[in-house]
PDB file of all heavy atoms in Angstrom:
ATOM      1  N   LEU A   1      -5.677   5.609  -0.958  1.00  0.00           N
ATOM      2  CA  LEU A   1      -4.355   5.758  -1.667  1.00  0.00           C
ATOM      3  C   LEU A   1      -3.188   5.359  -0.766  1.00  0.00           C
ATOM      4  O   LEU A   1      -2.272   4.678  -1.178  1.00  0.00           O
ATOM      5  CB  LEU A   1      -4.178   7.159  -2.157  1.00  0.00           C
ATOM      6  CG  LEU A   1      -4.862   7.541  -3.426  1.00  0.00           C
ATOM      7  CD1 LEU A   1      -4.641   9.014  -3.736  1.00  0.00           C
ATOM      8  CD2 LEU A   1      -4.372   6.676  -4.588  1.00  0.00           C
ATOM      9  N   ILE A   2      -3.247   5.784   0.510  1.00  0.00           N
ATOM     10  CA  ILE A   2      -2.213   5.448   1.429  1.00  0.00           C
ATOM     11  C   ILE A   2      -2.178   3.936   1.653  1.00  0.00           C
ATOM     12  O   ILE A   2      -1.102   3.324   1.735  1.00  0.00           O
ATOM     13  CB  ILE A   2      -2.344   6.156   2.741  1.00  0.00           C
ATOM     14  CG1 ILE A   2      -2.079   7.675   2.565  1.00  0.00           C
ATOM     15  CG2 ILE A   2      -1.406   5.628   3.820  1.00  0.00           C
ATOM     16  CD1 ILE A   2      -2.395   8.523   3.762  1.00  0.00           C
ATOM     17  N   ALA A   3      -3.315   3.322   1.666  1.00  0.00           N
ATOM     18  CA  ALA A   3      -3.441   1.833   1.853  1.00  0.00           C
ATOM     19  C   ALA A   3      -3.017   1.100   0.617  1.00  0.00           C
ATOM     20  O   ALA A   3      -2.928  -0.176   0.677  1.00  0.00           O
ATOM     21  CB  ALA A   3      -4.867   1.480   2.281  1.00  0.00           C
ATOM     22  N   GLY A   4      -2.820   1.780  -0.468  1.00  0.00           N
ATOM     23  CA  GLY A   4      -2.437   1.092  -1.696  1.00  0.00           C
ATOM     24  C   GLY A   4      -3.591   0.294  -2.284  1.00  0.00           C
ATOM     25  O   GLY A   4      -3.413  -0.779  -2.899  1.00  0.00           O
ATOM     26  N   LEU A   5      -4.831   0.765  -2.025  1.00  0.00           N
ATOM     27  CA  LEU A   5      -6.007   0.102  -2.499  1.00  0.00           C
ATOM     28  C   LEU A   5      -6.195  -1.303  -1.940  1.00  0.00           C
ATOM     29  O   LEU A   5      -6.824  -2.172  -2.565  1.00  0.00           O
ATOM     30  CB  LEU A   5      -6.145   0.130  -4.004  1.00  0.00           C
ATOM     31  CG  LEU A   5      -6.115   1.498  -4.675  1.00  0.00           C
ATOM     32  CD1 LEU A   5      -6.017   1.378  -6.156  1.00  0.00           C
ATOM     33  CD2 LEU A   5      -7.239   2.372  -4.231  1.00  0.00           C
ATOM     34  N   SER A   6      -5.601  -1.528  -0.780  1.00  0.00           N
ATOM     35  CA  SER A   6      -5.677  -2.865  -0.124  1.00  0.00           C
ATOM     36  C   SER A   6      -6.640  -2.775   1.019  1.00  0.00           C
ATOM     37  O   SER A   6      -6.461  -1.978   1.890  1.00  0.00           O
ATOM     38  CB  SER A   6      -4.295  -3.258   0.372  1.00  0.00           C
ATOM     39  OG  SER A   6      -4.421  -4.437   1.188  1.00  0.00           O
ATOM     40  N   PRO A   7      -7.681  -3.593   0.974  1.00  0.00           N
ATOM     41  CA  PRO A   7      -8.709  -3.550   2.096  1.00  0.00           C
ATOM     42  C   PRO A   7      -8.123  -3.752   3.465  1.00  0.00           C
ATOM     43  O   PRO A   7      -8.539  -3.143   4.428  1.00  0.00           O
ATOM     44  CB  PRO A   7      -9.725  -4.623   1.688  1.00  0.00           C
ATOM     45  CG  PRO A   7      -9.552  -4.868   0.296  1.00  0.00           C
ATOM     46  CD  PRO A   7      -8.121  -4.552  -0.041  1.00  0.00           C
ATOM     47  N   GLY A   8      -7.154  -4.632   3.567  1.00  0.00           N
ATOM     48  CA  GLY A   8      -6.561  -4.934   4.874  1.00  0.00           C
ATOM     49  C   GLY A   8      -5.735  -3.802   5.433  1.00  0.00           C
ATOM     50  O   GLY A   8      -5.695  -3.559   6.648  1.00  0.00           O
ATOM     51  N   MET A   9      -5.109  -3.026   4.530  1.00  0.00           N
ATOM     52  CA  MET A   9      -4.274  -1.912   4.971  1.00  0.00           C
ATOM     53  C   MET A   9      -5.069  -0.598   5.259  1.00  0.00           C
ATOM     54  O   MET A   9      -4.573   0.351   5.791  1.00  0.00           O
ATOM     55  CB  MET A   9      -3.192  -1.661   3.949  1.00  0.00           C
ATOM     56  CG  MET A   9      -2.205  -2.746   3.806  1.00  0.00           C
ATOM     57  SD  MET A   9      -1.297  -3.095   5.327  1.00  0.00           S
ATOM     58  CE  MET A   9      -0.348  -1.637   5.538  1.00  0.00           C
ATOM     59  N   THR A  10      -6.320  -0.618   4.819  1.00  0.00           N
ATOM     60  CA  THR A  10      -7.132   0.582   4.995  1.00  0.00           C
ATOM     61  C   THR A  10      -7.313   0.978   6.464  1.00  0.00           C
ATOM     62  O   THR A  10      -7.279   2.116   6.806  1.00  0.00           O
ATOM     63  CB  THR A  10      -8.562   0.350   4.387  1.00  0.00           C
ATOM     64  OG1 THR A  10      -8.367  -0.031   2.975  1.00  0.00           O
ATOM     65  CG2 THR A  10      -9.399   1.589   4.432  1.00  0.00           C
ATOM     66  N   ILE A  11      -7.466   0.014   7.326  1.00  0.00           N
ATOM     67  CA  ILE A  11      -7.538   0.237   8.776  1.00  0.00           C
ATOM     68  C   ILE A  11      -6.323   1.018   9.260  1.00  0.00           C
ATOM     69  O   ILE A  11      -6.388   1.967   9.981  1.00  0.00           O
ATOM     70  CB  ILE A  11      -7.798  -1.041   9.568  1.00  0.00           C
ATOM     71  CG1 ILE A  11      -9.134  -1.617   9.154  1.00  0.00           C
ATOM     72  CG2 ILE A  11      -7.711  -0.768  11.071  1.00  0.00           C
ATOM     73  CD1 ILE A  11      -9.383  -3.034   9.637  1.00  0.00           C
ATOM     74  N   TYR A  12      -5.141   0.513   8.892  1.00  0.00           N
ATOM     75  CA  TYR A  12      -3.876   1.152   9.360  1.00  0.00           C
ATOM     76  C   TYR A  12      -3.732   2.528   8.728  1.00  0.00           C
ATOM     77  O   TYR A  12      -3.212   3.425   9.435  1.00  0.00           O
ATOM     78  CB  TYR A  12      -2.717   0.242   9.008  1.00  0.00           C
ATOM     79  CG  TYR A  12      -2.767  -1.105   9.648  1.00  0.00           C
ATOM     80  CD1 TYR A  12      -2.921  -2.254   8.932  1.00  0.00           C
ATOM     81  CD2 TYR A  12      -2.679  -1.225  11.044  1.00  0.00           C
ATOM     82  CE1 TYR A  12      -3.060  -3.511   9.503  1.00  0.00           C
ATOM     83  CE2 TYR A  12      -2.769  -2.470  11.673  1.00  0.00           C
ATOM     84  CZ  TYR A  12      -2.960  -3.578  10.874  1.00  0.00           C
ATOM     85  OH  TYR A  12      -3.053  -4.835  11.494  1.00  0.00           O
ATOM     86  N   ALA A  13      -4.118   2.704   7.485  1.00  0.00           N
ATOM     87  CA  ALA A  13      -3.984   4.011   6.887  1.00  0.00           C
ATOM     88  C   ALA A  13      -4.927   5.016   7.541  1.00  0.00           C
ATOM     89  O   ALA A  13      -4.621   6.207   7.811  1.00  0.00           O
ATOM     90  CB  ALA A  13      -4.309   3.926   5.375  1.00  0.00           C
ATOM     91  N   ALA A  14      -6.150   4.523   7.917  1.00  0.00           N
ATOM     92  CA  ALA A  14      -7.112   5.432   8.594  1.00  0.00           C
ATOM     93  C   ALA A  14      -6.613   5.766   9.980  1.00  0.00           C
ATOM     94  O   ALA A  14      -6.772   6.932  10.402  1.00  0.00           O
ATOM     95  CB  ALA A  14      -8.485   4.689   8.682  1.00  0.00           C
ATOM     96  N   LEU A  15      -5.963   4.824  10.662  1.00  0.00           N
ATOM     97  CA  LEU A  15      -5.390   5.101  11.971  1.00  0.00           C
ATOM     98  C   LEU A  15      -4.304   6.144  11.870  1.00  0.00           C
ATOM     99  O   LEU A  15      -4.093   7.010  12.732  1.00  0.00           O
ATOM    100  CB  LEU A  15      -4.930   3.811  12.652  1.00  0.00           C
ATOM    101  CG  LEU A  15      -6.029   2.889  13.135  1.00  0.00           C
ATOM    102  CD1 LEU A  15      -5.425   1.603  13.661  1.00  0.00           C
ATOM    103  CD2 LEU A  15      -6.852   3.560  14.201  1.00  0.00           C
ATOM    104  N   LEU A  16      -3.470   6.022  10.851  1.00  0.00           N
ATOM    105  CA  LEU A  16      -2.350   6.981  10.563  1.00  0.00           C
ATOM    106  C   LEU A  16      -2.951   8.403  10.419  1.00  0.00           C
ATOM    107  O   LEU A  16      -2.452   9.339  11.009  1.00  0.00           O
ATOM    108  CB  LEU A  16      -1.558   6.602   9.369  1.00  0.00           C
ATOM    109  CG  LEU A  16      -0.495   7.604   8.935  1.00  0.00           C
ATOM    110  CD1 LEU A  16       0.598   7.695  10.026  1.00  0.00           C
ATOM    111  CD2 LEU A  16       0.043   7.245   7.560  1.00  0.00           C
ATOM    112  N   MET A  17      -3.946   8.533   9.596  1.00  0.00           N
ATOM    113  CA  MET A  17      -4.548   9.842   9.341  1.00  0.00           C
ATOM    114  C   MET A  17      -5.185  10.394  10.632  1.00  0.00           C
ATOM    115  O   MET A  17      -5.090  11.603  10.926  1.00  0.00           O
ATOM    116  CB  MET A  17      -5.594   9.748   8.196  1.00  0.00           C
ATOM    117  CG  MET A  17      -4.990   9.392   6.886  1.00  0.00           C
ATOM    118  SD  MET A  17      -3.799  10.591   6.275  1.00  0.00           S
ATOM    119  CE  MET A  17      -4.962  11.789   5.557  1.00  0.00           C
ATOM    120  N   ALA A  18      -5.846   9.527  11.371  1.00  0.00           N
ATOM    121  CA  ALA A  18      -6.463   9.939  12.647  1.00  0.00           C
ATOM    122  C   ALA A  18      -5.348  10.369  13.637  1.00  0.00           C
ATOM    123  O   ALA A  18      -5.531  11.376  14.363  1.00  0.00           O
ATOM    124  CB  ALA A  18      -7.321   8.847  13.230  1.00  0.00           C
ATOM    125  N   TYR A  19      -4.264   9.591  13.663  1.00  0.00           N
ATOM    126  CA  TYR A  19      -3.159   9.967  14.573  1.00  0.00           C
ATOM    127  C   TYR A  19      -2.572  11.317  14.222  1.00  0.00           C
ATOM    128  O   TYR A  19      -2.270  12.131  15.094  1.00  0.00           O
ATOM    129  CB  TYR A  19      -2.100   8.860  14.523  1.00  0.00           C
ATOM    130  CG  TYR A  19      -0.893   9.063  15.385  1.00  0.00           C
ATOM    131  CD1 TYR A  19      -1.036   8.848  16.736  1.00  0.00           C
ATOM    132  CD2 TYR A  19       0.288   9.515  14.864  1.00  0.00           C
ATOM    133  CE1 TYR A  19       0.070   9.035  17.562  1.00  0.00           C
ATOM    134  CE2 TYR A  19       1.356   9.677  15.698  1.00  0.00           C
ATOM    135  CZ  TYR A  19       1.251   9.480  17.056  1.00  0.00           C
ATOM    136  OH  TYR A  19       2.322   9.674  17.841  1.00  0.00           O
ATOM    137  N   ILE A  20      -2.477  11.630  12.974  1.00  0.00           N
ATOM    138  CA  ILE A  20      -1.944  12.935  12.524  1.00  0.00           C
ATOM    139  C   ILE A  20      -2.938  14.041  12.960  1.00  0.00           C
ATOM    140  O   ILE A  20      -2.524  15.100  13.476  1.00  0.00           O
ATOM    141  CB  ILE A  20      -1.691  12.981  11.010  1.00  0.00           C
ATOM    142  CG1 ILE A  20      -0.525  12.013  10.678  1.00  0.00           C
ATOM    143  CG2 ILE A  20      -1.419  14.423  10.528  1.00  0.00           C
ATOM    144  CD1 ILE A  20      -0.306  11.852   9.199  1.00  0.00           C
ATOM    145  N   GLN A  21      -4.247  13.805  12.755  1.00  0.00           N
ATOM    146  CA  GLN A  21      -5.228  14.800  13.179  1.00  0.00           C
ATOM    147  C   GLN A  21      -5.178  15.060  14.641  1.00  0.00           C
ATOM    148  O   GLN A  21      -5.258  16.213  15.125  1.00  0.00           O
ATOM    149  CB  GLN A  21      -6.626  14.352  12.728  1.00  0.00           C
ATOM    150  CG  GLN A  21      -6.856  14.398  11.278  1.00  0.00           C
ATOM    151  CD  GLN A  21      -6.955  15.819  10.757  1.00  0.00           C
ATOM    152  OE1 GLN A  21      -7.239  16.744  11.474  1.00  0.00           O
ATOM    153  NE2 GLN A  21      -6.655  15.963   9.456  1.00  0.00           N
ATOM    154  N   ILE A  22      -5.091  13.971  15.445  1.00  0.00           N
ATOM    155  CA  ILE A  22      -5.043  14.165  16.949  1.00  0.00           C
ATOM    156  C   ILE A  22      -3.736  14.845  17.336  1.00  0.00           C
ATOM    157  O   ILE A  22      -3.705  15.676  18.196  1.00  0.00           O
ATOM    158  CB  ILE A  22      -5.205  12.787  17.612  1.00  0.00           C
ATOM    159  CG1 ILE A  22      -6.593  12.247  17.374  1.00  0.00           C
ATOM    160  CG2 ILE A  22      -4.867  12.858  19.075  1.00  0.00           C
ATOM    161  CD1 ILE A  22      -6.867  10.831  17.796  1.00  0.00           C
ATOM    162  N   GLY A  23      -2.648  14.508  16.668  1.00  0.00           N
ATOM    163  CA  GLY A  23      -1.383  15.124  16.892  1.00  0.00           C
ATOM    164  C   GLY A  23      -1.409  16.603  16.639  1.00  0.00           C
ATOM    165  O   GLY A  23      -0.841  17.443  17.395  1.00  0.00           O
ATOM    166  N   ILE A  24      -2.100  17.016  15.550  1.00  0.00           N
ATOM    167  CA  ILE A  24      -2.216  18.424  15.236  1.00  0.00           C
ATOM    168  C   ILE A  24      -2.923  19.127  16.367  1.00  0.00           C
ATOM    169  O   ILE A  24      -2.530  20.254  16.814  1.00  0.00           O
ATOM    170  CB  ILE A  24      -2.979  18.609  13.884  1.00  0.00           C
ATOM    171  CG1 ILE A  24      -2.174  18.065  12.745  1.00  0.00           C
ATOM    172  CG2 ILE A  24      -3.281  20.076  13.678  1.00  0.00           C
ATOM    173  CD1 ILE A  24      -2.940  17.962  11.445  1.00  0.00           C
ATOM    174  N   ALA A  25      -4.082  18.559  16.812  1.00  0.00           N
ATOM    175  CA  ALA A  25      -4.834  19.157  17.879  1.00  0.00           C
ATOM    176  C   ALA A  25      -4.044  19.317  19.135  1.00  0.00           C
ATOM    177  O   ALA A  25      -4.070  20.351  19.834  1.00  0.00           O
ATOM    178  CB  ALA A  25      -6.118  18.422  18.084  1.00  0.00           C
ATOM    179  N   ALA A  26      -3.301  18.278  19.503  1.00  0.00           N
ATOM    180  CA  ALA A  26      -2.475  18.294  20.757  1.00  0.00           C
ATOM    181  C   ALA A  26      -1.372  19.315  20.626  1.00  0.00           C
ATOM    182  O   ALA A  26      -1.028  20.039  21.548  1.00  0.00           O
ATOM    183  CB  ALA A  26      -1.913  16.933  21.014  1.00  0.00           C
ATOM    184  N   ALA A  27      -0.753  19.423  19.458  1.00  0.00           N
ATOM    185  CA  ALA A  27       0.340  20.356  19.254  1.00  0.00           C
ATOM    186  C   ALA A  27      -0.200  21.759  19.240  1.00  0.00           C
ATOM    187  O   ALA A  27       0.472  22.698  19.757  1.00  0.00           O
ATOM    188  CB  ALA A  27       1.047  20.129  17.875  1.00  0.00           C
ATOM    189  N   MET A  28      -1.409  21.996  18.744  1.00  0.00           N
ATOM    190  CA  MET A  28      -1.972  23.370  18.825  1.00  0.00           C
ATOM    191  C   MET A  28      -2.289  23.760  20.277  1.00  0.00           C
ATOM    192  O   MET A  28      -2.176  24.912  20.594  1.00  0.00           O
ATOM    193  CB  MET A  28      -3.270  23.366  17.956  1.00  0.00           C
ATOM    194  CG  MET A  28      -2.979  23.445  16.477  1.00  0.00           C
ATOM    195  SD  MET A  28      -4.480  23.338  15.443  1.00  0.00           S
ATOM    196  CE  MET A  28      -5.557  24.569  16.137  1.00  0.00           C
ATOM    197  N   ALA A  29      -2.695  22.851  21.057  1.00  0.00           N
ATOM    198  CA  ALA A  29      -3.040  23.109  22.415  1.00  0.00           C
ATOM    199  C   ALA A  29      -1.817  23.342  23.287  1.00  0.00           C
ATOM    200  O   ALA A  29      -1.797  24.199  24.189  1.00  0.00           O
ATOM    201  CB  ALA A  29      -3.901  22.012  23.057  1.00  0.00           C
ATOM    202  N   GLY A  30      -0.738  22.573  23.022  1.00  0.00           N
ATOM    203  CA  GLY A  30       0.406  22.625  23.905  1.00  0.00           C
ATOM    204  C   GLY A  30       1.518  23.513  23.417  1.00  0.00           C
ATOM    205  O   GLY A  30       2.470  23.828  24.206  1.00  0.00           O
ATOM    206  N   ALA A  31       1.556  23.810  22.217  1.00  0.00           N
ATOM    207  CA  ALA A  31       2.688  24.591  21.597  1.00  0.00           C
ATOM    208  C   ALA A  31       2.136  25.610  20.596  1.00  0.00           C
ATOM    209  O   ALA A  31       0.965  25.639  20.302  1.00  0.00           O
ATOM    210  CB  ALA A  31       3.694  23.697  20.970  1.00  0.00           C
ATOM    211  N   SER A  32       2.987  26.390  20.103  1.00  0.00           N
ATOM    212  CA  SER A  32       2.627  27.408  19.107  1.00  0.00           C
ATOM    213  C   SER A  32       2.687  26.846  17.709  1.00  0.00           C
ATOM    214  O   SER A  32       3.399  27.372  16.844  1.00  0.00           O
ATOM    215  CB  SER A  32       3.416  28.668  19.239  1.00  0.00           C
ATOM    216  OG  SER A  32       4.804  28.363  18.996  1.00  0.00           O
ATOM    217  N   VAL A  33       1.935  25.728  17.463  1.00  0.00           N
ATOM    218  CA  VAL A  33       1.917  25.131  16.175  1.00  0.00           C
ATOM    219  C   VAL A  33       0.575  25.372  15.514  1.00  0.00           C
ATOM    220  O   VAL A  33      -0.447  25.326  16.218  1.00  0.00           O
ATOM    221  CB  VAL A  33       2.163  23.583  16.313  1.00  0.00           C
ATOM    222  CG1 VAL A  33       2.050  22.850  14.988  1.00  0.00           C
ATOM    223  CG2 VAL A  33       3.495  23.283  16.954  1.00  0.00           C
ATOM    224  N   THR A  34       0.571  25.721  14.257  1.00  0.00           N
ATOM    225  CA  THR A  34      -0.669  26.022  13.585  1.00  0.00           C
ATOM    226  C   THR A  34      -1.232  24.760  12.916  1.00  0.00           C
ATOM    227  O   THR A  34      -0.555  23.783  12.706  1.00  0.00           O
ATOM    228  CB  THR A  34      -0.491  27.136  12.508  1.00  0.00           C
ATOM    229  OG1 THR A  34       0.445  26.611  11.501  1.00  0.00           O
ATOM    230  CG2 THR A  34       0.113  28.337  13.131  1.00  0.00           C
ATOM    231  N   TYR A  35      -2.449  24.798  12.569  1.00  0.00           N
ATOM    232  CA  TYR A  35      -3.144  23.728  11.905  1.00  0.00           C
ATOM    233  C   TYR A  35      -2.489  23.478  10.491  1.00  0.00           C
ATOM    234  O   TYR A  35      -2.465  22.370  10.008  1.00  0.00           O
ATOM    235  CB  TYR A  35      -4.666  24.035  11.734  1.00  0.00           C
ATOM    236  CG  TYR A  35      -5.462  22.895  11.198  1.00  0.00           C
ATOM    237  CD1 TYR A  35      -5.721  21.783  11.973  1.00  0.00           C
ATOM    238  CD2 TYR A  35      -5.960  22.982   9.901  1.00  0.00           C
ATOM    239  CE1 TYR A  35      -6.451  20.751  11.474  1.00  0.00           C
ATOM    240  CE2 TYR A  35      -6.686  21.927   9.399  1.00  0.00           C
ATOM    241  CZ  TYR A  35      -6.957  20.796  10.178  1.00  0.00           C
ATOM    242  OH  TYR A  35      -7.668  19.753   9.686  1.00  0.00           O
ATOM    243  N   ASP A  36      -2.012  24.554   9.914  1.00  0.00           N
ATOM    244  CA  ASP A  36      -1.387  24.473   8.605  1.00  0.00           C
ATOM    245  C   ASP A  36      -0.211  23.500   8.579  1.00  0.00           C
ATOM    246  O   ASP A  36       0.048  22.808   7.609  1.00  0.00           O
ATOM    247  CB  ASP A  36      -0.965  25.807   8.082  1.00  0.00           C
ATOM    248  CG  ASP A  36      -2.148  26.746   7.858  1.00  0.00           C
ATOM    249  OD1 ASP A  36      -3.235  26.205   7.621  1.00  0.00           O
ATOM    250  OD2 ASP A  36      -1.946  27.945   7.986  1.00  0.00           O
ATOM    251  N   LEU A  37       0.563  23.465   9.658  1.00  0.00           N
ATOM    252  CA  LEU A  37       1.693  22.588   9.742  1.00  0.00           C
ATOM    253  C   LEU A  37       1.263  21.073   9.610  1.00  0.00           C
ATOM    254  O   LEU A  37       1.876  20.298   8.912  1.00  0.00           O
ATOM    255  CB  LEU A  37       2.497  22.811  11.012  1.00  0.00           C
ATOM    256  CG  LEU A  37       3.735  21.901  11.208  1.00  0.00           C
ATOM    257  CD1 LEU A  37       4.745  22.226  10.151  1.00  0.00           C
ATOM    258  CD2 LEU A  37       4.335  22.099  12.591  1.00  0.00           C
ATOM    259  N   GLY A  38       0.119  20.757  10.253  1.00  0.00           N
ATOM    260  CA  GLY A  38      -0.390  19.415  10.175  1.00  0.00           C
ATOM    261  C   GLY A  38      -0.881  19.100   8.759  1.00  0.00           C
ATOM    262  O   GLY A  38      -0.687  17.979   8.279  1.00  0.00           O
ATOM    263  N   LEU A  39      -1.421  20.102   8.114  1.00  0.00           N
ATOM    264  CA  LEU A  39      -1.809  19.885   6.693  1.00  0.00           C
ATOM    265  C   LEU A  39      -0.625  19.645   5.781  1.00  0.00           C
ATOM    266  O   LEU A  39      -0.711  18.902   4.872  1.00  0.00           O
ATOM    267  CB  LEU A  39      -2.701  21.085   6.209  1.00  0.00           C
ATOM    268  CG  LEU A  39      -4.026  21.222   6.896  1.00  0.00           C
ATOM    269  CD1 LEU A  39      -4.753  22.437   6.345  1.00  0.00           C
ATOM    270  CD2 LEU A  39      -4.919  20.000   6.710  1.00  0.00           C
ATOM    271  N   ILE A  40       0.412  20.369   6.085  1.00  0.00           N
ATOM    272  CA  ILE A  40       1.655  20.162   5.324  1.00  0.00           C
ATOM    273  C   ILE A  40       2.199  18.721   5.521  1.00  0.00           C
ATOM    274  O   ILE A  40       2.579  18.095   4.535  1.00  0.00           O
ATOM    275  CB  ILE A  40       2.708  21.166   5.693  1.00  0.00           C
ATOM    276  CG1 ILE A  40       2.279  22.589   5.269  1.00  0.00           C
ATOM    277  CG2 ILE A  40       4.098  20.830   5.180  1.00  0.00           C
ATOM    278  CD1 ILE A  40       3.186  23.725   5.793  1.00  0.00           C
ATOM    279  N   VAL A  41       2.145  18.252   6.700  1.00  0.00           N
ATOM    280  CA  VAL A  41       2.594  16.839   6.969  1.00  0.00           C
ATOM    281  C   VAL A  41       1.714  15.850   6.203  1.00  0.00           C
ATOM    282  O   VAL A  41       2.155  14.952   5.574  1.00  0.00           O
ATOM    283  CB  VAL A  41       2.596  16.563   8.457  1.00  0.00           C
ATOM    284  CG1 VAL A  41       2.811  15.060   8.720  1.00  0.00           C
ATOM    285  CG2 VAL A  41       3.653  17.416   9.194  1.00  0.00           C
ATOM    286  N   GLN A  42       0.407  16.071   6.236  1.00  0.00           N
ATOM    287  CA  GLN A  42      -0.516  15.171   5.537  1.00  0.00           C
ATOM    288  C   GLN A  42      -0.261  15.285   4.043  1.00  0.00           C
ATOM    289  O   GLN A  42      -0.262  14.243   3.315  1.00  0.00           O
ATOM    290  CB  GLN A  42      -1.960  15.541   5.842  1.00  0.00           C
ATOM    291  CG  GLN A  42      -2.411  15.056   7.125  1.00  0.00           C
ATOM    292  CD  GLN A  42      -3.894  15.391   7.402  1.00  0.00           C
ATOM    293  OE1 GLN A  42      -4.443  16.301   6.798  1.00  0.00           O
ATOM    294  NE2 GLN A  42      -4.516  14.595   8.236  1.00  0.00           N
ATOM    295  N   GLY A  43      -0.029  16.480   3.535  1.00  0.00           N
ATOM    296  CA  GLY A  43       0.262  16.664   2.116  1.00  0.00           C
ATOM    297  C   GLY A  43       1.541  15.940   1.736  1.00  0.00           C
ATOM    298  O   GLY A  43       1.584  15.382   0.624  1.00  0.00           O
ATOM    299  N   MET A  44       2.561  16.027   2.540  1.00  0.00           N
ATOM    300  CA  MET A  44       3.810  15.319   2.197  1.00  0.00           C
ATOM    301  C   MET A  44       3.634  13.808   2.166  1.00  0.00           C
ATOM    302  O   MET A  44       4.212  13.157   1.316  1.00  0.00           O
ATOM    303  CB  MET A  44       4.889  15.674   3.264  1.00  0.00           C
ATOM    304  CG  MET A  44       5.349  17.121   3.083  1.00  0.00           C
ATOM    305  SD  MET A  44       6.454  17.727   4.401  1.00  0.00           S
ATOM    306  CE  MET A  44       7.652  16.441   4.523  1.00  0.00           C
TER     307      MET A  44
END
């Protein structure tokens, strides 16, 4: 859906989702951020 059903954009959309997941993990380790905040960002 993020890629707009375009095969070429799928790689970039997957990298975006992976970047958000890694960012959530780093924020949880370094600050008092919960996993729920990352899910809210993904939901938005």
